[in-house]
Amino acid sequence: MSVFGFSVITLLLVFGLYLLARFLWLLIGAPILYRRWRRRRSIDIADADLGSGYLALVKGDWKNAEKRLTAHVDDSQIPYVSYLAAAQAAQEQNKLDKRDEYLSKAYKEAPKERLAIGLTKARLHQQAQQWNMARATLEDIAPLGGKNAQYIALVLTNHRQSGDWQEALALLPQARKLAAMDESELDNIEIEAFAGALSESTNIDAVWHALPRAQRKKAIMQKQYGQALFAKERYADAEKQLNAAMQQGWDDDILRLYGRLKLKKPAKARRTVEGWLAAQPNNANANLAAGRLAAAEGNSELAKRYLQAVINTEKNPAAYALLGELYEHGEERDKAMKLYKAALFSQETHQVGEGNHQVISTNG
């Protein structure tokens, strides 16, 4: 046999052996390749279900969302995500037992995602008004949530709902630092929490000084503290706070309280009100406050002028009554009776929201 012929036969033999080996490899490896293909296809289907399920959730199609999210969840690479979304869908259908089942399955699938699952669980409990359950969940994940904005927001919401005002105030600085909520919402919570803490505390000064200095400079906080001091009959301290709040902007609520302060030197407070009156000389609340303080200092004629200014502006039972007292003390009983009757009439009219404006002059 020639060298060329031998070479050709050798090449054909090698090529035949290669084809045989390739065939045997495909034959043996076919089941493995098939299983891989099936797994990839199952994952693709699970991913598609997750996407369509989330889309249904966004649209509010709760039933379909739950169905799609759980249809092939066993094949998903992130099954806990599907379970968390399914829990939301179940709750929207008021299927709370099913919701809890999905939450439990989510934790079993991804115990390392304890914070994410706990936050979802607490939020769902709050949405369902299950505040005690939300509190328990938040306490459970507390070691993980200290620097998480959503965790702080959920805890603050729980404090607000349950009236834990001291705790809410203590948490607010952290909430602001993390921007856990909109700033305006945090301001509202702070106002509400401060008022609640003042009302339930036996040491309102401690509550006040626990506030950050920047917050103590706010008019609304000074006003609330002043109101609490007034309720404790600490009138001199209340005057300082109410005055400071009023300096930042006109507030009729402050004026209504300011005139009722029982001070050792009411004349000084009256002059303060007169300074405010320069800005709004016809303001009934400012005139009433000035009239009350003038009466407290014993300046009856000045008090009468301010009270008459109130009456010329509006029917005010308090102004009629106090002016009547001043005339009665001055032995002018007819005028006093006339004013007392006007006080009763204006009070009844105010209660029913009816009647025409009535101006009563005391000059005859």
Protein backbone atom coordinates (compact mmCIF):
# COMPACT_ATOMS: atom_id res chain seq x y z
CA MET A 1 0.00 0.00 0.00
CA SER A 2 1.29 3.38 -0.93
CA VAL A 3 1.95 6.05 1.69
CA PHE A 4 -0.81 8.22 0.26
CA GLY A 5 -3.39 5.42 0.51
CA PHE A 6 -2.37 4.64 4.05
CA SER A 7 -2.73 8.26 5.00
CA VAL A 8 -6.22 8.53 3.55
CA ILE A 9 -7.40 5.38 5.34
CA THR A 10 -5.93 6.63 8.61
CA LEU A 11 -7.70 9.99 8.28
CA LEU A 12 -11.01 8.32 7.51
CA LEU A 13 -10.60 6.02 10.49
CA VAL A 14 -9.84 8.94 12.82
CA PHE A 15 -12.78 10.94 11.49
CA GLY A 16 -15.08 7.94 11.96
CA LEU A 17 -13.93 7.49 15.52
CA TYR A 18 -14.56 11.22 16.16
CA LEU A 19 -18.10 10.98 14.82
CA LEU A 20 -18.73 7.90 16.92
CA ALA A 21 -17.41 9.59 20.05
CA ARG A 22 -19.50 12.70 19.27
CA PHE A 23 -22.62 10.60 18.84
CA LEU A 24 -22.01 8.70 22.07
CA TRP A 25 -21.43 12.01 23.95
CA LEU A 26 -24.69 13.48 22.63
CA LEU A 27 -26.50 10.27 23.45
CA ILE A 28 -25.23 10.23 27.01
CA GLY A 29 -25.52 14.01 27.58
CA ALA A 30 -28.96 14.48 26.02
CA PRO A 31 -30.88 14.01 29.31
CA ILE A 32 -28.63 16.55 31.02
CA LEU A 33 -29.08 19.07 28.23
CA TYR A 34 -32.82 18.49 28.28
CA ARG A 35 -32.99 19.05 32.02
CA ARG A 36 -31.03 22.26 31.65
CA TRP A 37 -33.37 23.44 28.92
CA ARG A 38 -36.40 22.59 31.03
CA ARG A 39 -34.93 24.44 34.02
CA ARG A 40 -34.17 27.51 31.94
CA ARG A 41 -37.65 27.45 30.45
CA SER A 42 -39.22 27.08 33.93
CA ILE A 43 -37.22 30.05 35.19
CA ASP A 44 -38.29 32.11 32.19
CA ILE A 45 -41.93 31.24 32.85
CA ALA A 46 -41.54 32.10 36.56
CA ASP A 47 -39.93 35.42 35.67
CA ALA A 48 -42.74 36.17 33.24
CA ASP A 49 -45.32 35.34 35.94
CA LEU A 50 -43.53 37.61 38.40
CA GLY A 51 -43.61 40.46 35.90
CA SER A 52 -47.25 39.97 34.93
CA GLY A 53 -48.18 39.50 38.59
CA TYR A 54 -46.58 42.77 39.61
CA LEU A 55 -48.28 44.52 36.72
CA ALA A 56 -51.65 43.15 37.86
CA LEU A 57 -50.84 44.30 41.39
CA VAL A 58 -50.15 47.83 40.16
CA LYS A 59 -53.43 47.80 38.24
CA GLY A 60 -55.35 46.68 41.31
CA ASP A 61 -56.29 43.33 39.82
CA TRP A 62 -55.67 41.60 43.14
CA LYS A 63 -57.06 38.16 42.30
CA ASN A 64 -55.12 37.82 39.08
CA ALA A 65 -52.01 39.22 40.73
CA GLU A 66 -52.10 36.58 43.45
CA LYS A 67 -52.68 33.85 40.87
CA ARG A 68 -49.82 34.89 38.61
CA LEU A 69 -47.36 35.56 41.45
CA THR A 70 -47.81 32.09 42.93
CA ALA A 71 -48.41 30.03 39.77
CA HIS A 72 -44.77 29.01 39.23
CA VAL A 73 -43.16 30.44 42.35
CA ASP A 74 -41.32 27.15 43.02
CA ASP A 75 -39.31 27.70 39.84
CA SER A 76 -38.41 31.30 40.63
CA GLN A 77 -34.87 32.29 41.54
CA ILE A 78 -36.27 34.89 43.96
CA PRO A 79 -39.43 33.22 45.30
CA TYR A 80 -39.59 35.44 48.41
CA VAL A 81 -40.22 38.47 46.20
CA SER A 82 -43.21 36.74 44.65
CA TYR A 83 -44.51 35.77 48.09
CA LEU A 84 -44.20 39.34 49.42
CA ALA A 85 -46.13 40.70 46.47
CA ALA A 86 -48.71 37.92 46.80
CA ALA A 87 -49.15 38.87 50.47
CA GLN A 88 -50.09 42.38 49.40
CA ALA A 89 -52.56 41.01 46.84
CA ALA A 90 -54.11 38.68 49.42
CA GLN A 91 -54.55 41.48 51.94
CA GLU A 92 -56.27 43.66 49.36
CA GLN A 93 -58.80 40.83 49.05
CA ASN A 94 -59.12 40.70 52.86
CA LYS A 95 -57.56 37.24 52.89
CA LEU A 96 -55.45 37.88 55.96
CA ASP A 97 -54.74 34.24 56.75
CA LYS A 98 -53.44 33.74 53.22
CA ARG A 99 -51.39 36.92 53.57
CA ASP A 100 -49.72 35.55 56.68
CA GLU A 101 -49.07 32.25 54.92
CA TYR A 102 -47.26 34.03 52.08
CA LEU A 103 -45.22 36.10 54.54
CA SER A 104 -44.18 32.93 56.36
CA LYS A 105 -43.17 31.29 53.09
CA ALA A 106 -41.17 34.37 52.12
CA TYR A 107 -39.16 34.14 55.33
CA LYS A 108 -38.53 30.40 54.87
CA GLU A 109 -37.26 31.04 51.34
CA ALA A 110 -34.97 33.92 52.35
CA PRO A 111 -34.23 34.09 56.08
CA LYS A 112 -31.33 36.45 55.35
CA GLU A 113 -33.84 39.00 54.02
CA ARG A 114 -35.35 39.40 57.48
CA LEU A 115 -35.38 43.21 57.33
CA ALA A 116 -37.09 43.44 53.93
CA ILE A 117 -39.68 40.83 54.87
CA GLY A 118 -40.24 42.39 58.29
CA LEU A 119 -40.77 45.85 56.81
CA THR A 120 -43.31 44.48 54.36
CA LYS A 121 -45.06 42.57 57.12
CA ALA A 122 -45.24 45.60 59.44
CA ARG A 123 -46.50 47.84 56.65
CA LEU A 124 -49.25 45.36 55.76
CA HIS A 125 -50.25 45.09 59.43
CA GLN A 126 -50.52 48.87 59.66
CA GLN A 127 -52.59 49.04 56.50
CA ALA A 128 -54.92 46.44 58.03
CA GLN A 129 -55.10 48.48 61.28
CA GLN A 130 -53.41 45.65 63.15
CA TRP A 131 -51.26 47.98 65.20
CA ASN A 132 -50.20 45.53 67.92
CA MET A 133 -49.02 43.04 65.34
CA ALA A 134 -47.15 45.79 63.54
CA ARG A 135 -45.49 46.81 66.80
CA ALA A 136 -44.41 43.21 67.49
CA THR A 137 -42.91 42.88 64.02
CA LEU A 138 -41.06 46.19 64.30
CA GLU A 139 -39.66 45.22 67.68
CA ASP A 140 -38.48 41.93 66.18
CA ILE A 141 -36.47 43.66 63.43
CA ALA A 142 -35.35 46.60 65.59
CA PRO A 143 -31.68 45.48 65.64
CA LEU A 144 -31.66 45.67 61.83
CA GLY A 145 -33.72 48.77 61.23
CA GLY A 146 -32.04 51.54 63.19
CA LYS A 147 -30.62 53.27 60.11
CA ASN A 148 -33.38 52.32 57.68
CA ALA A 149 -35.66 55.20 56.69
CA GLN A 150 -38.70 53.01 56.08
CA TYR A 151 -38.28 51.31 59.43
CA ILE A 152 -38.14 54.68 61.22
CA ALA A 153 -41.23 55.84 59.32
CA LEU A 154 -43.18 52.73 60.30
CA VAL A 155 -42.17 53.00 63.96
CA LEU A 156 -43.10 56.70 63.99
CA THR A 157 -46.47 55.88 62.45
CA ASN A 158 -47.08 53.28 65.16
CA HIS A 159 -46.15 55.74 67.92
CA ARG A 160 -48.47 58.32 66.44
CA GLN A 161 -51.40 55.95 66.23
CA SER A 162 -50.97 54.60 69.75
CA GLY A 163 -50.34 58.02 71.29
CA ASP A 164 -46.78 57.25 72.41
CA TRP A 165 -45.91 60.93 72.18
CA GLN A 166 -42.67 60.91 74.16
CA GLU A 167 -41.31 58.09 72.00
CA ALA A 168 -42.42 59.90 68.85
CA LEU A 169 -40.62 63.08 69.89
CA ALA A 170 -37.47 61.13 70.68
CA LEU A 171 -37.53 59.48 67.24
CA LEU A 172 -38.17 62.62 65.20
CA PRO A 173 -34.52 63.78 64.95
CA GLN A 174 -33.55 60.43 63.44
CA ALA A 175 -36.56 60.58 61.11
CA ARG A 176 -35.47 64.02 59.89
CA LYS A 177 -31.87 62.90 59.46
CA LEU A 178 -32.92 59.95 57.28
CA ALA A 179 -35.70 61.90 55.52
CA ALA A 180 -38.01 59.07 56.51
CA MET A 181 -41.08 61.13 55.62
CA ASP A 182 -41.92 64.36 53.86
CA GLU A 183 -40.70 67.30 55.93
CA SER A 184 -44.17 68.81 56.20
CA GLU A 185 -45.55 65.50 57.51
CA LEU A 186 -42.77 65.33 60.09
CA ASP A 187 -43.66 68.87 61.17
CA ASN A 188 -47.29 67.84 61.62
CA ILE A 189 -46.30 64.80 63.66
CA GLU A 190 -44.01 66.92 65.81
CA ILE A 191 -46.75 69.43 66.57
CA GLU A 192 -49.19 66.65 67.39
CA ALA A 193 -46.67 64.72 69.47
CA PHE A 194 -45.54 67.79 71.41
CA ALA A 195 -49.12 68.72 72.27
CA GLY A 196 -49.82 65.15 73.34
CA ALA A 197 -46.65 64.93 75.44
CA LEU A 198 -47.47 68.19 77.18
CA SER A 199 -51.00 67.07 77.98
CA GLU A 200 -49.95 63.76 79.53
CA SER A 201 -46.74 64.83 81.29
CA THR A 202 -46.46 66.01 84.88
CA ASN A 203 -43.24 67.82 83.98
CA ILE A 204 -43.96 70.00 80.95
CA ASP A 205 -40.63 71.80 81.35
CA ALA A 206 -38.77 68.54 80.76
CA VAL A 207 -40.83 67.95 77.62
CA TRP A 208 -40.03 71.45 76.41
CA HIS A 209 -36.29 71.25 77.04
CA ALA A 210 -36.13 67.81 75.42
CA LEU A 211 -36.96 69.48 72.11
CA PRO A 212 -34.00 70.49 69.91
CA ARG A 213 -33.24 74.19 70.19
CA ALA A 214 -34.30 74.82 66.60
CA GLN A 215 -37.72 73.38 67.35
CA ARG A 216 -38.12 75.50 70.48
CA LYS A 217 -37.77 78.58 68.31
CA LYS A 218 -40.82 77.71 66.24
CA ALA A 219 -43.93 79.79 66.90
CA ILE A 220 -46.25 76.78 66.96
CA MET A 221 -44.15 75.05 69.62
CA GLN A 222 -43.91 78.22 71.72
CA LYS A 223 -47.66 78.60 71.43
CA GLN A 224 -48.34 75.05 72.58
CA TYR A 225 -45.93 75.39 75.49
CA GLY A 226 -47.56 78.69 76.43
CA GLN A 227 -50.99 77.03 76.39
CA ALA A 228 -49.71 74.24 78.65
CA LEU A 229 -48.19 76.80 81.04
CA PHE A 230 -51.50 78.67 81.09
CA ALA A 231 -53.33 75.45 81.98
CA LYS A 232 -50.88 75.03 84.88
CA GLU A 233 -51.69 78.62 85.94
CA ARG A 234 -48.07 79.64 85.39
CA TYR A 235 -49.20 82.87 83.82
CA ALA A 236 -45.93 84.81 83.82
CA ASP A 237 -44.12 81.96 82.05
CA ALA A 238 -47.05 81.54 79.66
CA GLU A 239 -46.91 85.24 78.78
CA LYS A 240 -43.27 84.95 77.70
CA GLN A 241 -43.96 82.02 75.41
CA LEU A 242 -47.15 83.46 73.92
CA ASN A 243 -45.43 86.79 73.36
CA ALA A 244 -42.49 85.10 71.63
CA ALA A 245 -44.84 83.15 69.38
CA MET A 246 -46.86 86.26 68.52
CA GLN A 247 -43.70 88.11 67.53
CA GLN A 248 -43.27 85.61 64.68
CA GLY A 249 -46.72 86.16 63.19
CA TRP A 250 -50.25 87.20 63.99
CA ASP A 251 -52.27 84.53 65.79
CA ASP A 252 -55.81 85.15 67.05
CA ASP A 253 -55.69 82.04 69.24
CA ILE A 254 -52.80 83.57 71.15
CA LEU A 255 -54.68 86.83 71.57
CA ARG A 256 -57.75 85.05 72.94
CA LEU A 257 -55.54 83.42 75.58
CA TYR A 258 -53.29 86.41 76.19
CA GLY A 259 -56.08 88.59 77.51
CA ARG A 260 -56.98 85.96 80.11
CA LEU A 261 -53.54 85.92 81.70
CA LYS A 262 -53.62 86.71 85.41
CA LEU A 263 -50.47 88.77 85.81
CA LYS A 264 -48.99 90.84 88.59
CA LYS A 265 -48.40 93.66 86.09
CA PRO A 266 -51.26 93.49 83.60
CA ALA A 267 -50.50 97.02 82.39
CA LYS A 268 -47.26 95.82 80.81
CA ALA A 269 -49.06 93.05 78.96
CA ARG A 270 -51.77 95.53 77.91
CA ARG A 271 -49.14 97.80 76.37
CA THR A 272 -47.78 94.79 74.51
CA VAL A 273 -51.23 94.17 73.03
CA GLU A 274 -51.52 97.83 72.12
CA GLY A 275 -48.34 97.43 70.12
CA TRP A 276 -49.98 94.60 68.20
CA LEU A 277 -53.12 96.67 67.73
CA ALA A 278 -51.10 99.20 65.75
CA ALA A 279 -50.92 96.60 62.99
CA GLN A 280 -54.63 95.63 63.15
CA PRO A 281 -56.55 98.32 65.07
CA ASN A 282 -59.95 96.79 64.32
CA ASN A 283 -59.06 93.24 65.29
CA ALA A 284 -61.71 92.09 67.77
CA ASN A 285 -59.46 89.59 69.54
CA ALA A 286 -56.72 92.15 70.11
CA ASN A 287 -59.19 94.75 71.39
CA LEU A 288 -60.78 92.17 73.70
CA ALA A 289 -57.36 91.19 75.07
CA ALA A 290 -56.48 94.84 75.66
CA GLY A 291 -59.86 95.43 77.30
CA ARG A 292 -59.49 92.47 79.64
CA LEU A 293 -55.98 93.50 80.67
CA ALA A 294 -57.02 97.11 81.18
CA ALA A 295 -59.86 95.91 83.41
CA ALA A 296 -57.43 93.71 85.33
CA GLU A 297 -55.20 96.70 86.05
CA GLY A 298 -58.22 98.72 87.21
CA ASN A 299 -58.36 101.12 84.26
CA SER A 300 -62.10 100.92 83.67
CA GLU A 301 -62.42 103.75 81.18
CA LEU A 302 -59.67 102.38 78.95
CA ALA A 303 -61.17 98.90 79.22
CA LYS A 304 -64.57 100.25 78.18
CA ARG A 305 -63.10 101.83 75.05
CA TYR A 306 -61.45 98.63 73.97
CA LEU A 307 -64.52 96.51 74.71
CA GLN A 308 -66.77 98.93 72.84
CA ALA A 309 -64.37 98.62 69.89
CA VAL A 310 -64.94 94.87 69.98
CA ILE A 311 -68.71 95.29 70.01
CA ASN A 312 -68.53 97.75 67.13
CA THR A 313 -66.80 95.02 65.12
CA GLU A 314 -68.69 91.88 66.05
CA LYS A 315 -71.21 90.37 68.42
CA ASN A 316 -68.96 89.02 71.12
CA PRO A 317 -70.54 87.54 74.27
CA ALA A 318 -67.36 87.95 76.31
CA ALA A 319 -67.05 91.63 75.41
CA TYR A 320 -70.71 92.32 76.22
CA ALA A 321 -70.44 90.50 79.56
CA LEU A 322 -67.22 92.18 80.70
CA LEU A 323 -68.44 95.60 79.64
CA GLY A 324 -71.63 94.93 81.58
CA GLU A 325 -69.59 94.12 84.68
CA LEU A 326 -67.68 97.39 84.37
CA TYR A 327 -70.89 99.41 84.15
CA GLU A 328 -72.38 97.48 87.04
CA HIS A 329 -69.35 98.28 89.18
CA GLY A 330 -69.82 101.90 88.18
CA GLU A 331 -73.42 101.79 89.45
CA GLU A 332 -74.84 102.08 85.91
CA ARG A 333 -77.13 99.11 86.23
CA ASP A 334 -79.41 99.90 83.27
CA LYS A 335 -76.51 99.85 80.85
CA ALA A 336 -75.17 96.73 82.58
CA MET A 337 -78.47 94.87 82.17
CA LYS A 338 -78.66 95.90 78.55
CA LEU A 339 -75.22 94.48 77.94
CA TYR A 340 -75.89 91.27 79.87
CA LYS A 341 -78.96 90.66 77.71
CA ALA A 342 -76.89 91.33 74.59
CA ALA A 343 -74.32 88.83 75.85
CA LEU A 344 -76.98 86.14 76.23
CA PHE A 345 -78.50 86.94 72.85
CA SER A 346 -75.17 86.95 71.04
CA GLN A 347 -74.19 83.68 72.68
CA GLU A 348 -77.41 81.99 71.54
CA THR A 349 -77.03 83.47 68.08
CA HIS A 350 -73.47 82.20 67.87
CA GLN A 351 -74.58 78.70 68.86
CA VAL A 352 -77.23 78.42 66.16
CA GLY A 353 -75.27 80.36 63.56
CA GLU A 354 -78.18 82.69 62.81
CA GLY A 355 -79.23 86.30 63.38
CA ASN A 356 -78.21 89.67 62.03
CA HIS A 357 -75.25 91.70 63.22
CA GLN A 358 -76.24 93.89 66.16
CA VAL A 359 -74.28 96.87 67.45
CA ILE A 360 -75.12 98.07 70.93
CA SER A 361 -73.83 101.45 71.92
CA THR A 362 -73.38 102.35 75.58
CA ASN A 363 -73.53 106.05 74.91
CA GLY A 364 -77.21 106.43 75.74
